[in-house]
Amino acid sequence: IQCLYMPSEVYHKDVWFSGRVQGVGFRLQTMYIARGYDVTGQVQNMNDGRVFLQAEGTEKEVSAFLDEIKRQMKSYIRDTEERSFSGAPCFKDFRIVH
């Protein structure tokens, strides 16, 4: 039996998007974009009107994924706040938190 290699640490990025990011399909579009990248994580609306995204994978994949979100959703995003770190994997897939 061959086991899949599971890295003990992955690149994580937490991003808070502000602007007109709720009620415009932002989370659904983010999930569609995630399917094109080797990333896992989640996206959710916050009570203060922002959208919070957690993504993990290689730094290259996570960065490309976020660049694509910003490109496709630029008309809705006014500002982003980002935090990155390395740590144990937290997610098995990419999902919307309701």
PDB file of N, CA and C in Angstrom:
ATOM      1  N   ILE A   1       0.851  -1.184   0.000  1.00  0.00           N
ATOM      2  CA  ILE A   1       0.000   0.000   0.000  1.00  0.00           C
ATOM      3  C   ILE A   1       0.887   1.234   0.000  1.00  0.00           C
ATOM      4  N   GLN A   2       0.579   2.153  -0.898  1.00  0.00           N
ATOM      5  CA  GLN A   2       1.348   3.390  -0.967  1.00  0.00           C
ATOM      6  C   GLN A   2       0.554   4.508  -0.304  1.00  0.00           C
ATOM      7  N   CYS A   3       1.174   5.202   0.616  1.00  0.00           N
ATOM      8  CA  CYS A   3       0.506   6.291   1.327  1.00  0.00           C
ATOM      9  C   CYS A   3       0.815   7.619   0.644  1.00  0.00           C
ATOM     10  N   LEU A   4      -0.160   8.487   0.657  1.00  0.00           N
ATOM     11  CA  LEU A   4       0.055   9.827   0.119  1.00  0.00           C
ATOM     12  C   LEU A   4       0.855  10.641   1.120  1.00  0.00           C
ATOM     13  N   TYR A   5       1.767  11.435   0.624  1.00  0.00           N
ATOM     14  CA  TYR A   5       2.562  12.305   1.486  1.00  0.00           C
ATOM     15  C   TYR A   5       1.700  13.462   1.958  1.00  0.00           C
ATOM     16  N   MET A   6       1.612  13.651   3.245  1.00  0.00           N
ATOM     17  CA  MET A   6       0.872  14.784   3.811  1.00  0.00           C
ATOM     18  C   MET A   6       1.873  15.716   4.482  1.00  0.00           C
ATOM     19  N   PRO A   7       2.027  16.922   3.943  1.00  0.00           N
ATOM     20  CA  PRO A   7       3.008  17.829   4.539  1.00  0.00           C
ATOM     21  C   PRO A   7       2.628  18.181   5.973  1.00  0.00           C
ATOM     22  N   SER A   8       3.633  18.331   6.822  1.00  0.00           N
ATOM     23  CA  SER A   8       3.351  18.688   8.209  1.00  0.00           C
ATOM     24  C   SER A   8       3.055  20.179   8.324  1.00  0.00           C
ATOM     25  N   GLU A   9       3.519  20.973   7.344  1.00  0.00           N
ATOM     26  CA  GLU A   9       3.236  22.402   7.348  1.00  0.00           C
ATOM     27  C   GLU A   9       2.862  22.845   5.948  1.00  0.00           C
ATOM     28  N   VAL A  10       1.904  23.742   5.874  1.00  0.00           N
ATOM     29  CA  VAL A  10       1.497  24.339   4.606  1.00  0.00           C
ATOM     30  C   VAL A  10       1.457  25.852   4.782  1.00  0.00           C
ATOM     31  N   TYR A  11       1.403  26.549   3.665  1.00  0.00           N
ATOM     32  CA  TYR A  11       1.283  28.009   3.661  1.00  0.00           C
ATOM     33  C   TYR A  11      -0.186  28.375   3.861  1.00  0.00           C
ATOM     34  N   HIS A  12      -0.451  29.277   4.783  1.00  0.00           N
ATOM     35  CA  HIS A  12      -1.811  29.748   5.071  1.00  0.00           C
ATOM     36  C   HIS A  12      -1.898  31.239   4.773  1.00  0.00           C
ATOM     37  N   LYS A  13      -3.047  31.651   4.277  1.00  0.00           N
ATOM     38  CA  LYS A  13      -3.291  33.085   4.100  1.00  0.00           C
ATOM     39  C   LYS A  13      -4.713  33.378   4.565  1.00  0.00           C
ATOM     40  N   ASP A  14      -4.839  34.322   5.478  1.00  0.00           N
ATOM     41  CA  ASP A  14      -6.135  34.831   5.918  1.00  0.00           C
ATOM     42  C   ASP A  14      -6.318  36.188   5.264  1.00  0.00           C
ATOM     43  N   VAL A  15      -7.469  36.400   4.625  1.00  0.00           N
ATOM     44  CA  VAL A  15      -7.720  37.666   3.931  1.00  0.00           C
ATOM     45  C   VAL A  15      -9.105  38.176   4.313  1.00  0.00           C
ATOM     46  N   TRP A  16      -9.170  39.451   4.665  1.00  0.00           N
ATOM     47  CA  TRP A  16     -10.423  40.128   4.942  1.00  0.00           C
ATOM     48  C   TRP A  16     -10.668  41.102   3.789  1.00  0.00           C
ATOM     49  N   PHE A  17     -11.739  40.885   3.039  1.00  0.00           N
ATOM     50  CA  PHE A  17     -12.104  41.757   1.924  1.00  0.00           C
ATOM     51  C   PHE A  17     -13.176  42.733   2.394  1.00  0.00           C
ATOM     52  N   SER A  18     -13.004  44.004   2.079  1.00  0.00           N
ATOM     53  CA  SER A  18     -14.044  44.982   2.382  1.00  0.00           C
ATOM     54  C   SER A  18     -14.451  45.697   1.098  1.00  0.00           C
ATOM     55  N   GLY A  19     -15.611  46.315   1.134  1.00  0.00           N
ATOM     56  CA  GLY A  19     -16.186  46.962  -0.036  1.00  0.00           C
ATOM     57  C   GLY A  19     -17.618  46.482  -0.192  1.00  0.00           C
ATOM     58  N   ARG A  20     -18.074  46.333  -1.433  1.00  0.00           N
ATOM     59  CA  ARG A  20     -19.418  45.792  -1.689  1.00  0.00           C
ATOM     60  C   ARG A  20     -19.245  44.299  -1.969  1.00  0.00           C
ATOM     61  N   VAL A  21     -18.935  43.545  -0.907  1.00  0.00           N
ATOM     62  CA  VAL A  21     -18.540  42.139  -1.064  1.00  0.00           C
ATOM     63  C   VAL A  21     -19.594  41.147  -0.557  1.00  0.00           C
ATOM     64  N   GLN A  22     -20.678  41.646   0.002  1.00  0.00           N
ATOM     65  CA  GLN A  22     -21.760  40.755   0.432  1.00  0.00           C
ATOM     66  C   GLN A  22     -22.986  41.002  -0.437  1.00  0.00           C
ATOM     67  N   GLY A  23     -23.691  39.920  -0.765  1.00  0.00           N
ATOM     68  CA  GLY A  23     -24.895  40.026  -1.569  1.00  0.00           C
ATOM     69  C   GLY A  23     -24.634  40.178  -3.060  1.00  0.00           C
ATOM     70  N   VAL A  24     -23.402  39.886  -3.485  1.00  0.00           N
ATOM     71  CA  VAL A  24     -23.031  40.028  -4.908  1.00  0.00           C
ATOM     72  C   VAL A  24     -22.463  38.728  -5.488  1.00  0.00           C
ATOM     73  N   GLY A  25     -22.591  37.610  -4.744  1.00  0.00           N
ATOM     74  CA  GLY A  25     -22.065  36.329  -5.215  1.00  0.00           C
ATOM     75  C   GLY A  25     -20.568  36.163  -4.992  1.00  0.00           C
ATOM     76  N   PHE A  26     -20.001  36.945  -4.099  1.00  0.00           N
ATOM     77  CA  PHE A  26     -18.558  36.926  -3.852  1.00  0.00           C
ATOM     78  C   PHE A  26     -18.087  35.555  -3.366  1.00  0.00           C
ATOM     79  N   ARG A  27     -18.790  34.990  -2.386  1.00  0.00           N
ATOM     80  CA  ARG A  27     -18.366  33.690  -1.837  1.00  0.00           C
ATOM     81  C   ARG A  27     -18.494  32.579  -2.874  1.00  0.00           C
ATOM     82  N   LEU A  28     -19.582  32.576  -3.624  1.00  0.00           N
ATOM     83  CA  LEU A  28     -19.774  31.545  -4.645  1.00  0.00           C
ATOM     84  C   LEU A  28     -18.709  31.657  -5.740  1.00  0.00           C
ATOM     85  N   GLN A  29     -18.426  32.871  -6.187  1.00  0.00           N
ATOM     86  CA  GLN A  29     -17.400  33.063  -7.211  1.00  0.00           C
ATOM     87  C   GLN A  29     -16.030  32.624  -6.689  1.00  0.00           C
ATOM     88  N   THR A  30     -15.762  32.911  -5.422  1.00  0.00           N
ATOM     89  CA  THR A  30     -14.497  32.487  -4.801  1.00  0.00           C
ATOM     90  C   THR A  30     -14.380  30.963  -4.806  1.00  0.00           C
ATOM     91  N   MET A  31     -15.482  30.274  -4.510  1.00  0.00           N
ATOM     92  CA  MET A  31     -15.456  28.813  -4.526  1.00  0.00           C
ATOM     93  C   MET A  31     -15.212  28.286  -5.940  1.00  0.00           C
ATOM     94  N   TYR A  32     -15.838  28.900  -6.950  1.00  0.00           N
ATOM     95  CA  TYR A  32     -15.599  28.496  -8.338  1.00  0.00           C
ATOM     96  C   TYR A  32     -14.140  28.705  -8.719  1.00  0.00           C
ATOM     97  N   ILE A  33     -13.568  29.831  -8.336  1.00  0.00           N
ATOM     98  CA  ILE A  33     -12.160  30.112  -8.643  1.00  0.00           C
ATOM     99  C   ILE A  33     -11.259  29.080  -7.963  1.00  0.00           C
ATOM    100  N   ALA A  34     -11.586  28.703  -6.728  1.00  0.00           N
ATOM    101  CA  ALA A  34     -10.765  27.746  -5.968  1.00  0.00           C
ATOM    102  C   ALA A  34     -10.630  26.411  -6.691  1.00  0.00           C
ATOM    103  N   ARG A  35     -11.638  26.036  -7.477  1.00  0.00           N
ATOM    104  CA  ARG A  35     -11.588  24.751  -8.190  1.00  0.00           C
ATOM    105  C   ARG A  35     -10.446  24.705  -9.203  1.00  0.00           C
ATOM    106  N   GLY A  36      -9.963  25.842  -9.629  1.00  0.00           N
ATOM    107  CA  GLY A  36      -8.871  25.890 -10.596  1.00  0.00           C
ATOM    108  C   GLY A  36      -7.489  25.902  -9.973  1.00  0.00           C
ATOM    109  N   TYR A  37      -7.429  25.822  -8.663  1.00  0.00           N
ATOM    110  CA  TYR A  37      -6.146  25.892  -7.959  1.00  0.00           C
ATOM    111  C   TYR A  37      -6.051  24.766  -6.936  1.00  0.00           C
ATOM    112  N   ASP A  38      -4.840  24.400  -6.598  1.00  0.00           N
ATOM    113  CA  ASP A  38      -4.602  23.361  -5.603  1.00  0.00           C
ATOM    114  C   ASP A  38      -4.575  24.013  -4.220  1.00  0.00           C
ATOM    115  N   VAL A  39      -5.763  24.459  -3.777  1.00  0.00           N
ATOM    116  CA  VAL A  39      -5.892  25.121  -2.483  1.00  0.00           C
ATOM    117  C   VAL A  39      -7.073  24.522  -1.722  1.00  0.00           C
ATOM    118  N   THR A  40      -7.019  24.664  -0.417  1.00  0.00           N
ATOM    119  CA  THR A  40      -8.137  24.305   0.448  1.00  0.00           C
ATOM    120  C   THR A  40      -8.421  25.513   1.329  1.00  0.00           C
ATOM    121  N   GLY A  41      -9.586  25.495   1.974  1.00  0.00           N
ATOM    122  CA  GLY A  41      -9.908  26.597   2.867  1.00  0.00           C
ATOM    123  C   GLY A  41     -11.390  26.859   2.935  1.00  0.00           C
ATOM    124  N   GLN A  42     -11.736  28.092   3.285  1.00  0.00           N
ATOM    125  CA  GLN A  42     -13.132  28.456   3.405  1.00  0.00           C
ATOM    126  C   GLN A  42     -13.297  29.957   3.241  1.00  0.00           C
ATOM    127  N   VAL A  43     -14.529  30.349   2.930  1.00  0.00           N
ATOM    128  CA  VAL A  43     -14.880  31.759   2.770  1.00  0.00           C
ATOM    129  C   VAL A  43     -16.217  31.990   3.462  1.00  0.00           C
ATOM    130  N   GLN A  44     -16.336  33.119   4.165  1.00  0.00           N
ATOM    131  CA  GLN A  44     -17.558  33.387   4.900  1.00  0.00           C
ATOM    132  C   GLN A  44     -17.810  34.889   5.024  1.00  0.00           C
ATOM    133  N   ASN A  45     -19.093  35.240   5.116  1.00  0.00           N
ATOM    134  CA  ASN A  45     -19.473  36.619   5.394  1.00  0.00           C
ATOM    135  C   ASN A  45     -19.256  36.897   6.872  1.00  0.00           C
ATOM    136  N   MET A  46     -18.884  38.138   7.169  1.00  0.00           N
ATOM    137  CA  MET A  46     -18.730  38.566   8.554  1.00  0.00           C
ATOM    138  C   MET A  46     -19.854  39.538   8.895  1.00  0.00           C
ATOM    139  N   ASN A  47     -20.148  39.661  10.161  1.00  0.00           N
ATOM    140  CA  ASN A  47     -21.224  40.549  10.611  1.00  0.00           C
ATOM    141  C   ASN A  47     -20.952  42.015  10.305  1.00  0.00           C
ATOM    142  N   ASP A  48     -19.688  42.398  10.143  1.00  0.00           N
ATOM    143  CA  ASP A  48     -19.347  43.806   9.892  1.00  0.00           C
ATOM    144  C   ASP A  48     -19.364  44.170   8.403  1.00  0.00           C
ATOM    145  N   GLY A  49     -19.841  43.238   7.539  1.00  0.00           N
ATOM    146  CA  GLY A  49     -19.951  43.535   6.114  1.00  0.00           C
ATOM    147  C   GLY A  49     -18.774  43.084   5.273  1.00  0.00           C
ATOM    148  N   ARG A  50     -17.715  42.612   5.917  1.00  0.00           N
ATOM    149  CA  ARG A  50     -16.559  42.101   5.173  1.00  0.00           C
ATOM    150  C   ARG A  50     -16.755  40.620   4.852  1.00  0.00           C
ATOM    151  N   VAL A  51     -15.878  40.097   3.982  1.00  0.00           N
ATOM    152  CA  VAL A  51     -15.811  38.664   3.697  1.00  0.00           C
ATOM    153  C   VAL A  51     -14.448  38.184   4.181  1.00  0.00           C
ATOM    154  N   PHE A  52     -14.443  37.066   4.906  1.00  0.00           N
ATOM    155  CA  PHE A  52     -13.210  36.481   5.447  1.00  0.00           C
ATOM    156  C   PHE A  52     -12.885  35.213   4.682  1.00  0.00           C
ATOM    157  N   LEU A  53     -11.670  35.151   4.166  1.00  0.00           N
ATOM    158  CA  LEU A  53     -11.195  34.002   3.396  1.00  0.00           C
ATOM    159  C   LEU A  53      -9.996  33.387   4.095  1.00  0.00           C
ATOM    160  N   GLN A  54     -10.002  32.061   4.215  1.00  0.00           N
ATOM    161  CA  GLN A  54      -8.841  31.318   4.694  1.00  0.00           C
ATOM    162  C   GLN A  54      -8.443  30.371   3.573  1.00  0.00           C
ATOM    163  N   ALA A  55      -7.182  30.435   3.154  1.00  0.00           N
ATOM    164  CA  ALA A  55      -6.696  29.566   2.084  1.00  0.00           C
ATOM    165  C   ALA A  55      -5.376  28.953   2.515  1.00  0.00           C
ATOM    166  N   GLU A  56      -5.151  27.711   2.065  1.00  0.00           N
ATOM    167  CA  GLU A  56      -3.888  27.046   2.367  1.00  0.00           C
ATOM    168  C   GLU A  56      -3.478  26.174   1.194  1.00  0.00           C
ATOM    169  N   GLY A  57      -2.183  25.956   1.095  1.00  0.00           N
ATOM    170  CA  GLY A  57      -1.577  25.183   0.011  1.00  0.00           C
ATOM    171  C   GLY A  57      -0.129  25.621  -0.114  1.00  0.00           C
ATOM    172  N   THR A  58       0.427  25.518  -1.316  1.00  0.00           N
ATOM    173  CA  THR A  58       1.766  26.077  -1.503  1.00  0.00           C
ATOM    174  C   THR A  58       1.622  27.593  -1.627  1.00  0.00           C
ATOM    175  N   GLU A  59       2.672  28.314  -1.323  1.00  0.00           N
ATOM    176  CA  GLU A  59       2.613  29.775  -1.419  1.00  0.00           C
ATOM    177  C   GLU A  59       2.280  30.210  -2.846  1.00  0.00           C
ATOM    178  N   LYS A  60       2.839  29.506  -3.832  1.00  0.00           N
ATOM    179  CA  LYS A  60       2.588  29.835  -5.240  1.00  0.00           C
ATOM    180  C   LYS A  60       1.113  29.668  -5.595  1.00  0.00           C
ATOM    181  N   GLU A  61       0.498  28.549  -5.199  1.00  0.00           N
ATOM    182  CA  GLU A  61      -0.910  28.295  -5.518  1.00  0.00           C
ATOM    183  C   GLU A  61      -1.833  29.273  -4.794  1.00  0.00           C
ATOM    184  N   VAL A  62      -1.577  29.494  -3.517  1.00  0.00           N
ATOM    185  CA  VAL A  62      -2.415  30.409  -2.739  1.00  0.00           C
ATOM    186  C   VAL A  62      -2.323  31.820  -3.314  1.00  0.00           C
ATOM    187  N   SER A  63      -1.128  32.261  -3.652  1.00  0.00           N
ATOM    188  CA  SER A  63      -0.946  33.603  -4.215  1.00  0.00           C
ATOM    189  C   SER A  63      -1.645  33.752  -5.560  1.00  0.00           C
ATOM    190  N   ALA A  64      -1.532  32.741  -6.424  1.00  0.00           N
ATOM    191  CA  ALA A  64      -2.194  32.783  -7.732  1.00  0.00           C
ATOM    192  C   ALA A  64      -3.714  32.793  -7.556  1.00  0.00           C
ATOM    193  N   PHE A  65      -4.219  32.001  -6.627  1.00  0.00           N
ATOM    194  CA  PHE A  65      -5.649  31.949  -6.317  1.00  0.00           C
ATOM    195  C   PHE A  65      -6.158  33.321  -5.870  1.00  0.00           C
ATOM    196  N   LEU A  66      -5.441  33.946  -4.950  1.00  0.00           N
ATOM    197  CA  LEU A  66      -5.853  35.263  -4.451  1.00  0.00           C
ATOM    198  C   LEU A  66      -5.761  36.330  -5.535  1.00  0.00           C
ATOM    199  N   ASP A  67      -4.735  36.258  -6.368  1.00  0.00           N
ATOM    200  CA  ASP A  67      -4.615  37.203  -7.482  1.00  0.00           C
ATOM    201  C   ASP A  67      -5.816  37.098  -8.412  1.00  0.00           C
ATOM    202  N   GLU A  68      -6.281  35.880  -8.662  1.00  0.00           N
ATOM    203  CA  GLU A  68      -7.415  35.673  -9.544  1.00  0.00           C
ATOM    204  C   GLU A  68      -8.716  36.191  -8.915  1.00  0.00           C
ATOM    205  N   ILE A  69      -8.885  35.995  -7.611  1.00  0.00           N
ATOM    206  CA  ILE A  69     -10.054  36.558  -6.922  1.00  0.00           C
ATOM    207  C   ILE A  69     -10.047  38.072  -7.074  1.00  0.00           C
ATOM    208  N   LYS A  70      -8.900  38.676  -6.800  1.00  0.00           N
ATOM    209  CA  LYS A  70      -8.801  40.138  -6.877  1.00  0.00           C
ATOM    210  C   LYS A  70      -9.038  40.630  -8.298  1.00  0.00           C
ATOM    211  N   ARG A  71      -8.611  39.867  -9.300  1.00  0.00           N
ATOM    212  CA  ARG A  71      -8.813  40.264 -10.689  1.00  0.00           C
ATOM    213  C   ARG A  71     -10.294  40.193 -11.063  1.00  0.00           C
ATOM    214  N   GLN A  72     -10.928  39.072 -10.733  1.00  0.00           N
ATOM    215  CA  GLN A  72     -12.326  38.877 -11.121  1.00  0.00           C
ATOM    216  C   GLN A  72     -13.298  39.727 -10.299  1.00  0.00           C
ATOM    217  N   MET A  73     -12.972  40.006  -9.058  1.00  0.00           N
ATOM    218  CA  MET A  73     -13.903  40.696  -8.160  1.00  0.00           C
ATOM    219  C   MET A  73     -13.475  42.129  -7.841  1.00  0.00           C
ATOM    220  N   LYS A  74     -12.560  42.673  -8.644  1.00  0.00           N
ATOM    221  CA  LYS A  74     -11.984  43.993  -8.334  1.00  0.00           C
ATOM    222  C   LYS A  74     -13.020  45.110  -8.226  1.00  0.00           C
ATOM    223  N   SER A  75     -14.115  45.013  -8.967  1.00  0.00           N
ATOM    224  CA  SER A  75     -15.118  46.084  -8.915  1.00  0.00           C
ATOM    225  C   SER A  75     -15.884  46.088  -7.584  1.00  0.00           C
ATOM    226  N   TYR A  76     -15.786  45.016  -6.813  1.00  0.00           N
ATOM    227  CA  TYR A  76     -16.480  44.923  -5.526  1.00  0.00           C
ATOM    228  C   TYR A  76     -15.557  45.170  -4.331  1.00  0.00           C
ATOM    229  N   ILE A  77     -14.253  44.983  -4.515  1.00  0.00           N
ATOM    230  CA  ILE A  77     -13.294  45.059  -3.409  1.00  0.00           C
ATOM    231  C   ILE A  77     -12.763  46.482  -3.274  1.00  0.00           C
ATOM    232  N   ARG A  78     -12.914  47.044  -2.084  1.00  0.00           N
ATOM    233  CA  ARG A  78     -12.338  48.359  -1.799  1.00  0.00           C
ATOM    234  C   ARG A  78     -10.971  48.208  -1.125  1.00  0.00           C
ATOM    235  N   ASP A  79     -10.853  47.226  -0.235  1.00  0.00           N
ATOM    236  CA  ASP A  79      -9.613  47.068   0.527  1.00  0.00           C
ATOM    237  C   ASP A  79      -9.464  45.608   0.956  1.00  0.00           C
ATOM    238  N   THR A  80      -8.228  45.209   1.201  1.00  0.00           N
ATOM    239  CA  THR A  80      -7.961  43.879   1.748  1.00  0.00           C
ATOM    240  C   THR A  80      -6.982  44.009   2.904  1.00  0.00           C
ATOM    241  N   GLU A  81      -7.156  43.144   3.869  1.00  0.00           N
ATOM    242  CA  GLU A  81      -6.203  43.002   4.965  1.00  0.00           C
ATOM    243  C   GLU A  81      -5.756  41.551   4.920  1.00  0.00           C
ATOM    244  N   GLU A  82      -4.437  41.309   4.944  1.00  0.00           N
ATOM    245  CA  GLU A  82      -3.930  39.958   4.761  1.00  0.00           C
ATOM    246  C   GLU A  82      -2.951  39.577   5.868  1.00  0.00           C
ATOM    247  N   ARG A  83      -2.985  38.286   6.198  1.00  0.00           N
ATOM    248  CA  ARG A  83      -2.044  37.731   7.182  1.00  0.00           C
ATOM    249  C   ARG A  83      -1.640  36.352   6.679  1.00  0.00           C
ATOM    250  N   SER A  84      -0.345  36.077   6.625  1.00  0.00           N
ATOM    251  CA  SER A  84       0.120  34.765   6.173  1.00  0.00           C
ATOM    252  C   SER A  84       0.999  34.128   7.238  1.00  0.00           C
ATOM    253  N   PHE A  85       1.007  32.793   7.231  1.00  0.00           N
ATOM    254  CA  PHE A  85       1.802  32.035   8.187  1.00  0.00           C
ATOM    255  C   PHE A  85       1.912  30.599   7.695  1.00  0.00           C
ATOM    256  N   SER A  86       2.804  29.839   8.282  1.00  0.00           N
ATOM    257  CA  SER A  86       2.933  28.415   7.987  1.00  0.00           C
ATOM    258  C   SER A  86       2.440  27.628   9.185  1.00  0.00           C
ATOM    259  N   GLY A  87       1.815  26.476   8.892  1.00  0.00           N
ATOM    260  CA  GLY A  87       1.328  25.649   9.984  1.00  0.00           C
ATOM    261  C   GLY A  87       0.728  24.365   9.460  1.00  0.00           C
ATOM    262  N   ALA A  88       0.163  23.602  10.362  1.00  0.00           N
ATOM    263  CA  ALA A  88      -0.453  22.326   9.999  1.00  0.00           C
ATOM    264  C   ALA A  88      -1.664  22.575   9.105  1.00  0.00           C
ATOM    265  N   PRO A  89      -1.935  21.671   8.148  1.00  0.00           N
ATOM    266  CA  PRO A  89      -3.128  21.809   7.311  1.00  0.00           C
ATOM    267  C   PRO A  89      -4.396  21.777   8.166  1.00  0.00           C
ATOM    268  N   CYS A  90      -5.365  22.626   7.828  1.00  0.00           N
ATOM    269  CA  CYS A  90      -6.611  22.706   8.594  1.00  0.00           C
ATOM    270  C   CYS A  90      -7.825  22.245   7.800  1.00  0.00           C
ATOM    271  N   PHE A  91      -7.717  22.216   6.467  1.00  0.00           N
ATOM    272  CA  PHE A  91      -8.879  21.969   5.619  1.00  0.00           C
ATOM    273  C   PHE A  91      -8.632  20.798   4.672  1.00  0.00           C
ATOM    274  N   LYS A  92      -9.707  20.104   4.315  1.00  0.00           N
ATOM    275  CA  LYS A  92      -9.618  19.008   3.353  1.00  0.00           C
ATOM    276  C   LYS A  92     -10.099  19.434   1.970  1.00  0.00           C
ATOM    277  N   ASP A  93     -10.892  20.519   1.912  1.00  0.00           N
ATOM    278  CA  ASP A  93     -11.441  21.011   0.638  1.00  0.00           C
ATOM    279  C   ASP A  93     -11.645  22.517   0.763  1.00  0.00           C
ATOM    280  N   PHE A  94     -12.318  23.113  -0.220  1.00  0.00           N
ATOM    281  CA  PHE A  94     -12.636  24.529  -0.134  1.00  0.00           C
ATOM    282  C   PHE A  94     -14.156  24.649  -0.051  1.00  0.00           C
ATOM    283  N   ARG A  95     -14.639  25.434   0.914  1.00  0.00           N
ATOM    284  CA  ARG A  95     -16.088  25.500   1.115  1.00  0.00           C
ATOM    285  C   ARG A  95     -16.535  26.898   1.538  1.00  0.00           C
ATOM    286  N   ILE A  96     -17.823  27.095   1.367  1.00  0.00           N
ATOM    287  CA  ILE A  96     -18.480  28.307   1.843  1.00  0.00           C
ATOM    288  C   ILE A  96     -19.033  28.028   3.235  1.00  0.00           C
ATOM    289  N   VAL A  97     -18.780  28.904   4.164  1.00  0.00           N
ATOM    290  CA  VAL A  97     -19.368  28.809   5.497  1.00  0.00           C
ATOM    291  C   VAL A  97     -20.592  29.701   5.506  1.00  0.00           C
ATOM    292  N   HIS A  98     -21.735  29.114   5.853  1.00  0.00           N
ATOM    293  CA  HIS A  98     -22.992  29.888   5.884  1.00  0.00           C
ATOM    294  C   HIS A  98     -23.304  30.345   7.285  1.00  0.00           C
TER     295      HIS A  98
END
